[in-house]
Amino acid sequence: MKIFYVTLNNASEANQISVDLLEKRLAVCTNVFPITCTYRWEGEIKQEPEVVLIIKTMEGLRDEIEAVIHQHISYTNFIAELEVQSINTAFMAWLTAEVQKGKGN
């Protein structure tokens, strides 16, 4: 299993990407939540709202997931692929059934 942590400008983008990923069977589930991003830009510290999209998926789908994301946005964002060390059996069974059978569709 892999989890992707993706930052986006707003919830509308995150929701559109979520639906697209689920329709293409590239994810079993997503989570969207608002955050505040604090960062340094051109010598100044800035703060602004941002949205995080968490994508729960199988290993080996990074290229396809990034392609879907970039169909919806044109700016540079953060996409991190995180390794999951342990997962409950029931969730893994659901993930495998939903995402694996959709690979290549």
PDB file of N, CA and C in Angstrom:
ATOM      1  N   MET A   1       0.840  -1.176   0.000  1.00  0.00           N
ATOM      2  CA  MET A   1       0.000   0.000   0.000  1.00  0.00           C
ATOM      3  C   MET A   1       0.880   1.233   0.000  1.00  0.00           C
ATOM      4  N   LYS A   2       0.391   2.288  -0.637  1.00  0.00           N
ATOM      5  CA  LYS A   2       1.049   3.598  -0.644  1.00  0.00           C
ATOM      6  C   LYS A   2       0.021   4.657  -0.284  1.00  0.00           C
ATOM      7  N   ILE A   3       0.524   5.714   0.331  1.00  0.00           N
ATOM      8  CA  ILE A   3      -0.276   6.911   0.578  1.00  0.00           C
ATOM      9  C   ILE A   3       0.415   8.069  -0.109  1.00  0.00           C
ATOM     10  N   PHE A   4      -0.353   8.877  -0.807  1.00  0.00           N
ATOM     11  CA  PHE A   4       0.173  10.091  -1.405  1.00  0.00           C
ATOM     12  C   PHE A   4      -0.358  11.288  -0.631  1.00  0.00           C
ATOM     13  N   TYR A   5       0.535  12.205  -0.303  1.00  0.00           N
ATOM     14  CA  TYR A   5       0.210  13.463   0.370  1.00  0.00           C
ATOM     15  C   TYR A   5       0.389  14.540  -0.688  1.00  0.00           C
ATOM     16  N   VAL A   6      -0.700  15.206  -1.059  1.00  0.00           N
ATOM     17  CA  VAL A   6      -0.689  16.153  -2.164  1.00  0.00           C
ATOM     18  C   VAL A   6      -1.233  17.493  -1.694  1.00  0.00           C
ATOM     19  N   THR A   7      -0.510  18.582  -1.974  1.00  0.00           N
ATOM     20  CA  THR A   7      -1.023  19.905  -1.639  1.00  0.00           C
ATOM     21  C   THR A   7      -1.636  20.536  -2.877  1.00  0.00           C
ATOM     22  N   LEU A   8      -2.755  21.232  -2.653  1.00  0.00           N
ATOM     23  CA  LEU A   8      -3.496  21.878  -3.732  1.00  0.00           C
ATOM     24  C   LEU A   8      -3.986  23.239  -3.272  1.00  0.00           C
ATOM     25  N   ASN A   9      -4.445  24.046  -4.210  1.00  0.00           N
ATOM     26  CA  ASN A   9      -4.899  25.398  -3.872  1.00  0.00           C
ATOM     27  C   ASN A   9      -6.263  25.437  -3.203  1.00  0.00           C
ATOM     28  N   ASN A  10      -7.158  24.492  -3.555  1.00  0.00           N
ATOM     29  CA  ASN A  10      -8.507  24.574  -2.995  1.00  0.00           C
ATOM     30  C   ASN A  10      -9.198  23.210  -3.000  1.00  0.00           C
ATOM     31  N   ALA A  11     -10.308  23.141  -2.285  1.00  0.00           N
ATOM     32  CA  ALA A  11     -11.056  21.890  -2.129  1.00  0.00           C
ATOM     33  C   ALA A  11     -11.689  21.438  -3.442  1.00  0.00           C
ATOM     34  N   SER A  12     -12.051  22.362  -4.292  1.00  0.00           N
ATOM     35  CA  SER A  12     -12.645  21.998  -5.573  1.00  0.00           C
ATOM     36  C   SER A  12     -11.670  21.169  -6.408  1.00  0.00           C
ATOM     37  N   GLU A  13     -10.410  21.586  -6.474  1.00  0.00           N
ATOM     38  CA  GLU A  13      -9.393  20.815  -7.187  1.00  0.00           C
ATOM     39  C   GLU A  13      -9.241  19.428  -6.567  1.00  0.00           C
ATOM     40  N   ALA A  14      -9.155  19.381  -5.247  1.00  0.00           N
ATOM     41  CA  ALA A  14      -8.979  18.108  -4.542  1.00  0.00           C
ATOM     42  C   ALA A  14     -10.155  17.173  -4.805  1.00  0.00           C
ATOM     43  N   ASN A  15     -11.368  17.706  -4.793  1.00  0.00           N
ATOM     44  CA  ASN A  15     -12.555  16.878  -5.020  1.00  0.00           C
ATOM     45  C   ASN A  15     -12.601  16.355  -6.455  1.00  0.00           C
ATOM     46  N   GLN A  16     -12.248  17.187  -7.427  1.00  0.00           N
ATOM     47  CA  GLN A  16     -12.228  16.753  -8.826  1.00  0.00           C
ATOM     48  C   GLN A  16     -11.183  15.659  -9.039  1.00  0.00           C
ATOM     49  N   ILE A  17     -10.000  15.849  -8.481  1.00  0.00           N
ATOM     50  CA  ILE A  17      -8.936  14.848  -8.600  1.00  0.00           C
ATOM     51  C   ILE A  17      -9.368  13.547  -7.918  1.00  0.00           C
ATOM     52  N   SER A  18      -9.980  13.652  -6.745  1.00  0.00           N
ATOM     53  CA  SER A  18     -10.453  12.464  -6.019  1.00  0.00           C
ATOM     54  C   SER A  18     -11.406  11.636  -6.859  1.00  0.00           C
ATOM     55  N   VAL A  19     -12.401  12.272  -7.426  1.00  0.00           N
ATOM     56  CA  VAL A  19     -13.394  11.564  -8.232  1.00  0.00           C
ATOM     57  C   VAL A  19     -12.727  10.913  -9.441  1.00  0.00           C
ATOM     58  N   ASP A  20     -11.841  11.639 -10.095  1.00  0.00           N
ATOM     59  CA  ASP A  20     -11.136  11.110 -11.264  1.00  0.00           C
ATOM     60  C   ASP A  20     -10.313   9.872 -10.894  1.00  0.00           C
ATOM     61  N   LEU A  21      -9.578   9.946  -9.781  1.00  0.00           N
ATOM     62  CA  LEU A  21      -8.773   8.806  -9.334  1.00  0.00           C
ATOM     63  C   LEU A  21      -9.650   7.595  -9.013  1.00  0.00           C
ATOM     64  N   LEU A  22     -10.762   7.824  -8.346  1.00  0.00           N
ATOM     65  CA  LEU A  22     -11.666   6.728  -7.992  1.00  0.00           C
ATOM     66  C   LEU A  22     -12.319   6.125  -9.231  1.00  0.00           C
ATOM     67  N   GLU A  23     -12.733   6.967 -10.175  1.00  0.00           N
ATOM     68  CA  GLU A  23     -13.344   6.455 -11.402  1.00  0.00           C
ATOM     69  C   GLU A  23     -12.354   5.613 -12.201  1.00  0.00           C
ATOM     70  N   LYS A  24     -11.078   5.985 -12.175  1.00  0.00           N
ATOM     71  CA  LYS A  24     -10.042   5.250 -12.902  1.00  0.00           C
ATOM     72  C   LYS A  24      -9.485   4.079 -12.083  1.00  0.00           C
ATOM     73  N   ARG A  25      -9.998   3.883 -10.878  1.00  0.00           N
ATOM     74  CA  ARG A  25      -9.564   2.825  -9.966  1.00  0.00           C
ATOM     75  C   ARG A  25      -8.076   2.910  -9.632  1.00  0.00           C
ATOM     76  N   LEU A  26      -7.604   4.160  -9.494  1.00  0.00           N
ATOM     77  CA  LEU A  26      -6.225   4.395  -9.086  1.00  0.00           C
ATOM     78  C   LEU A  26      -6.120   4.620  -7.583  1.00  0.00           C
ATOM     79  N   ALA A  27      -7.248   4.690  -6.914  1.00  0.00           N
ATOM     80  CA  ALA A  27      -7.295   4.856  -5.459  1.00  0.00           C
ATOM     81  C   ALA A  27      -8.532   4.155  -4.936  1.00  0.00           C
ATOM     82  N   VAL A  28      -8.461   3.765  -3.673  1.00  0.00           N
ATOM     83  CA  VAL A  28      -9.627   3.155  -3.035  1.00  0.00           C
ATOM     84  C   VAL A  28     -10.390   4.202  -2.231  1.00  0.00           C
ATOM     85  N   CYS A  29      -9.677   5.257  -1.804  1.00  0.00           N
ATOM     86  CA  CYS A  29     -10.267   6.248  -0.907  1.00  0.00           C
ATOM     87  C   CYS A  29      -9.361   7.477  -0.900  1.00  0.00           C
ATOM     88  N   THR A  30      -9.956   8.652  -0.689  1.00  0.00           N
ATOM     89  CA  THR A  30      -9.173   9.880  -0.531  1.00  0.00           C
ATOM     90  C   THR A  30      -9.719  10.664   0.658  1.00  0.00           C
ATOM     91  N   ASN A  31      -8.891  11.547   1.188  1.00  0.00           N
ATOM     92  CA  ASN A  31      -9.302  12.462   2.254  1.00  0.00           C
ATOM     93  C   ASN A  31      -8.865  13.863   1.850  1.00  0.00           C
ATOM     94  N   VAL A  32      -9.715  14.843   2.126  1.00  0.00           N
ATOM     95  CA  VAL A  32      -9.422  16.241   1.802  1.00  0.00           C
ATOM     96  C   VAL A  32      -9.590  17.059   3.071  1.00  0.00           C
ATOM     97  N   PHE A  33      -8.591  17.892   3.377  1.00  0.00           N
ATOM     98  CA  PHE A  33      -8.749  18.765   4.537  1.00  0.00           C
ATOM     99  C   PHE A  33      -7.958  20.053   4.354  1.00  0.00           C
ATOM    100  N   PRO A  34      -8.469  21.151   4.938  1.00  0.00           N
ATOM    101  CA  PRO A  34      -7.803  22.453   4.823  1.00  0.00           C
ATOM    102  C   PRO A  34      -6.632  22.559   5.797  1.00  0.00           C
ATOM    103  N   ILE A  35      -5.607  23.285   5.373  1.00  0.00           N
ATOM    104  CA  ILE A  35      -4.454  23.565   6.221  1.00  0.00           C
ATOM    105  C   ILE A  35      -4.019  25.007   5.992  1.00  0.00           C
ATOM    106  N   THR A  36      -3.093  25.474   6.794  1.00  0.00           N
ATOM    107  CA  THR A  36      -2.426  26.745   6.551  1.00  0.00           C
ATOM    108  C   THR A  36      -0.982  26.435   6.208  1.00  0.00           C
ATOM    109  N   CYS A  37      -0.532  26.968   5.095  1.00  0.00           N
ATOM    110  CA  CYS A  37       0.849  26.759   4.651  1.00  0.00           C
ATOM    111  C   CYS A  37       1.675  27.985   5.034  1.00  0.00           C
ATOM    112  N   THR A  38       2.757  27.762   5.754  1.00  0.00           N
ATOM    113  CA  THR A  38       3.700  28.822   6.122  1.00  0.00           C
ATOM    114  C   THR A  38       5.021  28.497   5.445  1.00  0.00           C
ATOM    115  N   TYR A  39       5.558  29.446   4.697  1.00  0.00           N
ATOM    116  CA  TYR A  39       6.766  29.183   3.921  1.00  0.00           C
ATOM    117  C   TYR A  39       7.566  30.468   3.693  1.00  0.00           C
ATOM    118  N   ARG A  40       8.815  30.291   3.296  1.00  0.00           N
ATOM    119  CA  ARG A  40       9.674  31.428   2.963  1.00  0.00           C
ATOM    120  C   ARG A  40       9.686  31.576   1.447  1.00  0.00           C
ATOM    121  N   TRP A  41       9.439  32.796   0.961  1.00  0.00           N
ATOM    122  CA  TRP A  41       9.441  33.087  -0.462  1.00  0.00           C
ATOM    123  C   TRP A  41      10.071  34.445  -0.697  1.00  0.00           C
ATOM    124  N   GLU A  42      11.149  34.450  -1.456  1.00  0.00           N
ATOM    125  CA  GLU A  42      11.861  35.683  -1.799  1.00  0.00           C
ATOM    126  C   GLU A  42      12.189  36.509  -0.561  1.00  0.00           C
ATOM    127  N   GLY A  43      12.700  35.826   0.476  1.00  0.00           N
ATOM    128  CA  GLY A  43      13.153  36.505   1.676  1.00  0.00           C
ATOM    129  C   GLY A  43      12.074  36.868   2.675  1.00  0.00           C
ATOM    130  N   GLU A  44      10.833  36.543   2.386  1.00  0.00           N
ATOM    131  CA  GLU A  44       9.731  36.868   3.295  1.00  0.00           C
ATOM    132  C   GLU A  44       9.026  35.587   3.742  1.00  0.00           C
ATOM    133  N   ILE A  45       8.500  35.629   4.947  1.00  0.00           N
ATOM    134  CA  ILE A  45       7.693  34.514   5.439  1.00  0.00           C
ATOM    135  C   ILE A  45       6.239  34.798   5.089  1.00  0.00           C
ATOM    136  N   LYS A  46       5.609  33.821   4.442  1.00  0.00           N
ATOM    137  CA  LYS A  46       4.233  33.969   3.966  1.00  0.00           C
ATOM    138  C   LYS A  46       3.356  32.913   4.632  1.00  0.00           C
ATOM    139  N   GLN A  47       2.071  33.190   4.719  1.00  0.00           N
ATOM    140  CA  GLN A  47       1.070  32.235   5.190  1.00  0.00           C
ATOM    141  C   GLN A  47      -0.147  32.343   4.295  1.00  0.00           C
ATOM    142  N   GLU A  48      -0.662  31.196   3.885  1.00  0.00           N
ATOM    143  CA  GLU A  48      -1.877  31.202   3.079  1.00  0.00           C
ATOM    144  C   GLU A  48      -2.595  29.858   3.200  1.00  0.00           C
ATOM    145  N   PRO A  49      -3.881  29.848   2.891  1.00  0.00           N
ATOM    146  CA  PRO A  49      -4.630  28.592   2.969  1.00  0.00           C
ATOM    147  C   PRO A  49      -4.222  27.649   1.851  1.00  0.00           C
ATOM    148  N   GLU A  50      -4.347  26.375   2.147  1.00  0.00           N
ATOM    149  CA  GLU A  50      -4.022  25.325   1.191  1.00  0.00           C
ATOM    150  C   GLU A  50      -4.901  24.127   1.538  1.00  0.00           C
ATOM    151  N   VAL A  51      -4.961  23.154   0.652  1.00  0.00           N
ATOM    152  CA  VAL A  51      -5.734  21.940   0.888  1.00  0.00           C
ATOM    153  C   VAL A  51      -4.806  20.747   0.717  1.00  0.00           C
ATOM    154  N   VAL A  52      -4.961  19.752   1.580  1.00  0.00           N
ATOM    155  CA  VAL A  52      -4.206  18.510   1.451  1.00  0.00           C
ATOM    156  C   VAL A  52      -5.157  17.422   0.968  1.00  0.00           C
ATOM    157  N   LEU A  53      -4.687  16.690  -0.025  1.00  0.00           N
ATOM    158  CA  LEU A  53      -5.394  15.519  -0.529  1.00  0.00           C
ATOM    159  C   LEU A  53      -4.555  14.298  -0.166  1.00  0.00           C
ATOM    160  N   ILE A  54      -5.144  13.395   0.589  1.00  0.00           N
ATOM    161  CA  ILE A  54      -4.494  12.130   0.926  1.00  0.00           C
ATOM    162  C   ILE A  54      -5.104  11.066   0.015  1.00  0.00           C
ATOM    163  N   ILE A  55      -4.246  10.315  -0.665  1.00  0.00           N
ATOM    164  CA  ILE A  55      -4.700   9.288  -1.602  1.00  0.00           C
ATOM    165  C   ILE A  55      -4.232   7.933  -1.085  1.00  0.00           C
ATOM    166  N   LYS A  56      -5.161   7.010  -0.901  1.00  0.00           N
ATOM    167  CA  LYS A  56      -4.834   5.650  -0.452  1.00  0.00           C
ATOM    168  C   LYS A  56      -4.888   4.737  -1.668  1.00  0.00           C
ATOM    169  N   THR A  57      -3.752   4.091  -1.963  1.00  0.00           N
ATOM    170  CA  THR A  57      -3.643   3.344  -3.211  1.00  0.00           C
ATOM    171  C   THR A  57      -2.656   2.189  -3.096  1.00  0.00           C
ATOM    172  N   MET A  58      -2.419   1.537  -4.217  1.00  0.00           N
ATOM    173  CA  MET A  58      -1.466   0.437  -4.301  1.00  0.00           C
ATOM    174  C   MET A  58      -0.119   0.956  -4.791  1.00  0.00           C
ATOM    175  N   GLU A  59       0.898   0.185  -4.571  1.00  0.00           N
ATOM    176  CA  GLU A  59       2.240   0.501  -5.047  1.00  0.00           C
ATOM    177  C   GLU A  59       2.295   0.441  -6.572  1.00  0.00           C
ATOM    178  N   GLY A  60       3.134   1.291  -7.159  1.00  0.00           N
ATOM    179  CA  GLY A  60       3.379   1.241  -8.591  1.00  0.00           C
ATOM    180  C   GLY A  60       2.477   2.106  -9.444  1.00  0.00           C
ATOM    181  N   LEU A  61       1.708   3.009  -8.837  1.00  0.00           N
ATOM    182  CA  LEU A  61       0.763   3.831  -9.593  1.00  0.00           C
ATOM    183  C   LEU A  61       1.135   5.319  -9.626  1.00  0.00           C
ATOM    184  N   ARG A  62       2.342   5.663  -9.199  1.00  0.00           N
ATOM    185  CA  ARG A  62       2.736   7.074  -9.110  1.00  0.00           C
ATOM    186  C   ARG A  62       2.560   7.818 -10.426  1.00  0.00           C
ATOM    187  N   ASP A  63       3.060   7.271 -11.526  1.00  0.00           N
ATOM    188  CA  ASP A  63       2.971   7.974 -12.808  1.00  0.00           C
ATOM    189  C   ASP A  63       1.523   8.254 -13.194  1.00  0.00           C
ATOM    190  N   GLU A  64       0.658   7.263 -13.035  1.00  0.00           N
ATOM    191  CA  GLU A  64      -0.754   7.440 -13.379  1.00  0.00           C
ATOM    192  C   GLU A  64      -1.430   8.459 -12.471  1.00  0.00           C
ATOM    193  N   ILE A  65      -1.109   8.428 -11.179  1.00  0.00           N
ATOM    194  CA  ILE A  65      -1.693   9.378 -10.231  1.00  0.00           C
ATOM    195  C   ILE A  65      -1.229  10.797 -10.542  1.00  0.00           C
ATOM    196  N   GLU A  66       0.065  10.974 -10.793  1.00  0.00           N
ATOM    197  CA  GLU A  66       0.566  12.309 -11.143  1.00  0.00           C
ATOM    198  C   GLU A  66      -0.061  12.818 -12.433  1.00  0.00           C
ATOM    199  N   ALA A  67      -0.271  11.939 -13.405  1.00  0.00           N
ATOM    200  CA  ALA A  67      -0.898  12.354 -14.663  1.00  0.00           C
ATOM    201  C   ALA A  67      -2.311  12.881 -14.409  1.00  0.00           C
ATOM    202  N   VAL A  68      -3.063  12.201 -13.554  1.00  0.00           N
ATOM    203  CA  VAL A  68      -4.417  12.663 -13.225  1.00  0.00           C
ATOM    204  C   VAL A  68      -4.356  14.023 -12.529  1.00  0.00           C
ATOM    205  N   ILE A  69      -3.468  14.177 -11.569  1.00  0.00           N
ATOM    206  CA  ILE A  69      -3.339  15.449 -10.849  1.00  0.00           C
ATOM    207  C   ILE A  69      -3.055  16.583 -11.834  1.00  0.00           C
ATOM    208  N   HIS A  70      -2.126  16.343 -12.755  1.00  0.00           N
ATOM    209  CA  HIS A  70      -1.721  17.412 -13.677  1.00  0.00           C
ATOM    210  C   HIS A  70      -2.722  17.660 -14.799  1.00  0.00           C
ATOM    211  N   GLN A  71      -3.729  16.808 -14.912  1.00  0.00           N
ATOM    212  CA  GLN A  71      -4.853  17.112 -15.810  1.00  0.00           C
ATOM    213  C   GLN A  71      -5.750  18.186 -15.194  1.00  0.00           C
ATOM    214  N   HIS A  72      -5.669  18.351 -13.874  1.00  0.00           N
ATOM    215  CA  HIS A  72      -6.549  19.282 -13.172  1.00  0.00           C
ATOM    216  C   HIS A  72      -5.862  20.569 -12.739  1.00  0.00           C
ATOM    217  N   ILE A  73      -4.538  20.558 -12.637  1.00  0.00           N
ATOM    218  CA  ILE A  73      -3.811  21.761 -12.214  1.00  0.00           C
ATOM    219  C   ILE A  73      -2.609  21.980 -13.125  1.00  0.00           C
ATOM    220  N   SER A  74      -2.157  23.241 -13.199  1.00  0.00           N
ATOM    221  CA  SER A  74      -0.998  23.550 -14.045  1.00  0.00           C
ATOM    222  C   SER A  74       0.161  24.131 -13.238  1.00  0.00           C
ATOM    223  N   TYR A  75      -0.004  24.308 -11.949  1.00  0.00           N
ATOM    224  CA  TYR A  75       1.045  24.875 -11.108  1.00  0.00           C
ATOM    225  C   TYR A  75       1.874  23.775 -10.453  1.00  0.00           C
ATOM    226  N   THR A  76       3.035  24.161  -9.939  1.00  0.00           N
ATOM    227  CA  THR A  76       3.897  23.222  -9.228  1.00  0.00           C
ATOM    228  C   THR A  76       3.363  23.035  -7.817  1.00  0.00           C
ATOM    229  N   ASN A  77       3.098  21.802  -7.453  1.00  0.00           N
ATOM    230  CA  ASN A  77       2.604  21.493  -6.115  1.00  0.00           C
ATOM    231  C   ASN A  77       3.476  20.414  -5.493  1.00  0.00           C
ATOM    232  N   PHE A  78       3.139  20.023  -4.282  1.00  0.00           N
ATOM    233  CA  PHE A  78       3.896  19.005  -3.549  1.00  0.00           C
ATOM    234  C   PHE A  78       3.166  17.672  -3.661  1.00  0.00           C
ATOM    235  N   ILE A  79       3.885  16.635  -4.106  1.00  0.00           N
ATOM    236  CA  ILE A  79       3.337  15.287  -4.181  1.00  0.00           C
ATOM    237  C   ILE A  79       4.358  14.356  -3.534  1.00  0.00           C
ATOM    238  N   ALA A  80       3.994  13.793  -2.377  1.00  0.00           N
ATOM    239  CA  ALA A  80       4.894  12.875  -1.680  1.00  0.00           C
ATOM    240  C   ALA A  80       4.262  11.491  -1.624  1.00  0.00           C
ATOM    241  N   GLU A  81       5.060  10.482  -1.936  1.00  0.00           N
ATOM    242  CA  GLU A  81       4.626   9.096  -1.851  1.00  0.00           C
ATOM    243  C   GLU A  81       5.172   8.514  -0.557  1.00  0.00           C
ATOM    244  N   LEU A  82       4.286   8.044   0.309  1.00  0.00           N
ATOM    245  CA  LEU A  82       4.675   7.559   1.623  1.00  0.00           C
ATOM    246  C   LEU A  82       4.467   6.054   1.720  1.00  0.00           C
ATOM    247  N   GLU A  83       5.450   5.402   2.274  1.00  0.00           N
ATOM    248  CA  GLU A  83       5.385   3.949   2.498  1.00  0.00           C
ATOM    249  C   GLU A  83       4.562   3.672   3.758  1.00  0.00           C
ATOM    250  N   VAL A  84       3.687   2.705   3.680  1.00  0.00           N
ATOM    251  CA  VAL A  84       2.886   2.294   4.826  1.00  0.00           C
ATOM    252  C   VAL A  84       3.531   1.042   5.412  1.00  0.00           C
ATOM    253  N   GLN A  85       3.848   1.076   6.694  1.00  0.00           N
ATOM    254  CA  GLN A  85       4.514  -0.048   7.346  1.00  0.00           C
ATOM    255  C   GLN A  85       3.559  -1.170   7.731  1.00  0.00           C
ATOM    256  N   SER A  86       2.345  -0.810   8.091  1.00  0.00           N
ATOM    257  CA  SER A  86       1.394  -1.802   8.560  1.00  0.00           C
ATOM    258  C   SER A  86      -0.020  -1.308   8.269  1.00  0.00           C
ATOM    259  N   ILE A  87      -0.909  -2.237   7.964  1.00  0.00           N
ATOM    260  CA  ILE A  87      -2.299  -1.878   7.657  1.00  0.00           C
ATOM    261  C   ILE A  87      -3.211  -3.016   8.120  1.00  0.00           C
ATOM    262  N   ASN A  88      -4.406  -2.672   8.552  1.00  0.00           N
ATOM    263  CA  ASN A  88      -5.340  -3.712   8.985  1.00  0.00           C
ATOM    264  C   ASN A  88      -5.792  -4.557   7.793  1.00  0.00           C
ATOM    265  N   THR A  89      -6.022  -5.821   8.042  1.00  0.00           N
ATOM    266  CA  THR A  89      -6.319  -6.807   7.006  1.00  0.00           C
ATOM    267  C   THR A  89      -7.569  -6.457   6.210  1.00  0.00           C
ATOM    268  N   ALA A  90      -8.613  -6.026   6.874  1.00  0.00           N
ATOM    269  CA  ALA A  90      -9.871  -5.730   6.184  1.00  0.00           C
ATOM    270  C   ALA A  90      -9.700  -4.575   5.195  1.00  0.00           C
ATOM    271  N   PHE A  91      -8.991  -3.525   5.602  1.00  0.00           N
ATOM    272  CA  PHE A  91      -8.780  -2.404   4.689  1.00  0.00           C
ATOM    273  C   PHE A  91      -7.932  -2.841   3.498  1.00  0.00           C
ATOM    274  N   MET A  92      -6.891  -3.626   3.746  1.00  0.00           N
ATOM    275  CA  MET A  92      -6.024  -4.089   2.666  1.00  0.00           C
ATOM    276  C   MET A  92      -6.793  -4.945   1.675  1.00  0.00           C
ATOM    277  N   ALA A  93      -7.703  -5.760   2.150  1.00  0.00           N
ATOM    278  CA  ALA A  93      -8.527  -6.584   1.259  1.00  0.00           C
ATOM    279  C   ALA A  93      -9.392  -5.704   0.369  1.00  0.00           C
ATOM    280  N   TRP A  94      -9.996  -4.670   0.947  1.00  0.00           N
ATOM    281  CA  TRP A  94     -10.822  -3.726   0.174  1.00  0.00           C
ATOM    282  C   TRP A  94      -9.963  -3.006  -0.862  1.00  0.00           C
ATOM    283  N   LEU A  95      -8.821  -2.502  -0.439  1.00  0.00           N
ATOM    284  CA  LEU A  95      -7.908  -1.794  -1.329  1.00  0.00           C
ATOM    285  C   LEU A  95      -7.493  -2.683  -2.500  1.00  0.00           C
ATOM    286  N   THR A  96      -7.084  -3.889  -2.210  1.00  0.00           N
ATOM    287  CA  THR A  96      -6.625  -4.812  -3.251  1.00  0.00           C
ATOM    288  C   THR A  96      -7.750  -5.130  -4.240  1.00  0.00           C
ATOM    289  N   ALA A  97      -8.946  -5.366  -3.721  1.00  0.00           N
ATOM    290  CA  ALA A  97     -10.079  -5.695  -4.588  1.00  0.00           C
ATOM    291  C   ALA A  97     -10.454  -4.532  -5.496  1.00  0.00           C
ATOM    292  N   GLU A  98     -10.459  -3.326  -4.974  1.00  0.00           N
ATOM    293  CA  GLU A  98     -10.919  -2.171  -5.734  1.00  0.00           C
ATOM    294  C   GLU A  98      -9.876  -1.594  -6.683  1.00  0.00           C
ATOM    295  N   VAL A  99      -8.628  -1.544  -6.259  1.00  0.00           N
ATOM    296  CA  VAL A  99      -7.603  -0.889  -7.078  1.00  0.00           C
ATOM    297  C   VAL A  99      -6.963  -1.878  -8.043  1.00  0.00           C
ATOM    298  N   GLN A 100      -6.588  -3.046  -7.602  1.00  0.00           N
ATOM    299  CA  GLN A 100      -5.912  -4.009  -8.467  1.00  0.00           C
ATOM    300  C   GLN A 100      -6.767  -4.400  -9.675  1.00  0.00           C
ATOM    301  N   LYS A 101      -8.065  -4.628  -9.443  1.00  0.00           N
ATOM    302  CA  LYS A 101      -8.891  -5.069 -10.563  1.00  0.00           C
ATOM    303  C   LYS A 101      -9.066  -3.964 -11.592  1.00  0.00           C
ATOM    304  N   GLY A 102      -8.801  -2.723 -11.176  1.00  0.00           N
ATOM    305  CA  GLY A 102      -8.949  -1.613 -12.097  1.00  0.00           C
ATOM    306  C   GLY A 102      -7.691  -1.268 -12.854  1.00  0.00           C
ATOM    307  N   LYS A 103      -6.561  -1.846 -12.480  1.00  0.00           N
ATOM    308  CA  LYS A 103      -5.291  -1.523 -13.151  1.00  0.00           C
ATOM    309  C   LYS A 103      -5.375  -1.846 -14.625  1.00  0.00           C
ATOM    310  N   GLY A 104      -4.944  -0.872 -15.408  1.00  0.00           N
ATOM    311  CA  GLY A 104      -4.944  -1.070 -16.854  1.00  0.00           C
ATOM    312  C   GLY A 104      -6.245  -0.729 -17.533  1.00  0.00           C
ATOM    313  N   ASN A 105      -7.270  -0.344 -16.769  1.00  0.00           N
ATOM    314  CA  ASN A 105      -8.560   0.039 -17.365  1.00  0.00           C
ATOM    315  C   ASN A 105      -8.574   1.487 -17.737  1.00  0.00           C
TER     316      ASN A 105
END
